[in-house]
């Protein structure tokens, strides 16, 4: 999860859009992922 979170620092729009979509799906599938992202 930490590696995916580090992608939020990326400056390319395509990467950011993909990361947001990835996090959305992770949060839908797993409540622990949502808590991790809120804390970091």
Protein backbone atom coordinates (compact mmCIF):
# COMPACT_ATOMS: atom_id res chain seq x y z
CA UNK A 1 0.00 0.00 0.00
CA UNK A 2 2.88 2.35 0.75
CA UNK A 3 4.23 2.03 -2.77
CA UNK A 4 0.87 2.97 -4.25
CA UNK A 5 0.57 5.92 -1.86
CA UNK A 6 3.96 7.19 -3.02
CA UNK A 7 2.53 7.51 -6.54
CA UNK A 8 0.39 10.41 -5.32
CA UNK A 9 3.55 12.54 -5.47
CA UNK A 10 3.80 11.91 -9.22
CA UNK A 11 3.40 14.95 -11.47
CA UNK A 12 1.91 13.24 -14.53
CA UNK A 13 -1.87 13.52 -14.77
CA UNK A 14 -2.34 10.04 -16.19
CA UNK A 15 -0.57 8.46 -13.23
CA UNK A 16 -2.60 10.51 -10.74
CA UNK A 17 -5.89 9.55 -12.38
CA UNK A 18 -4.90 5.88 -12.31
CA UNK A 19 -3.85 6.05 -8.65
CA UNK A 20 -7.13 7.67 -7.64
CA UNK A 21 -9.04 4.94 -9.47
CA UNK A 22 -6.89 2.27 -7.80
CA UNK A 23 -7.49 3.74 -4.34
CA UNK A 24 -11.22 3.99 -5.01
CA UNK A 25 -11.38 0.29 -5.84
CA UNK A 26 -9.17 -0.64 -2.87
CA UNK A 27 -11.41 1.30 -0.49
CA UNK A 28 -14.52 -0.36 -1.89
CA UNK A 29 -12.99 -3.80 -1.40
CA UNK A 30 -11.29 -3.32 1.96
CA UNK A 31 -12.12 -1.01 4.86
CA UNK A 32 -8.55 -1.34 6.18
CA UNK A 33 -7.26 0.31 3.00
CA UNK A 34 -9.51 3.30 3.66
CA UNK A 35 -8.19 3.67 7.21
CA UNK A 36 -4.59 3.41 5.98
CA UNK A 37 -5.13 6.15 3.40
CA UNK A 38 -6.82 8.43 5.93
CA UNK A 39 -3.86 8.15 8.30
CA UNK A 40 -1.23 8.75 5.63
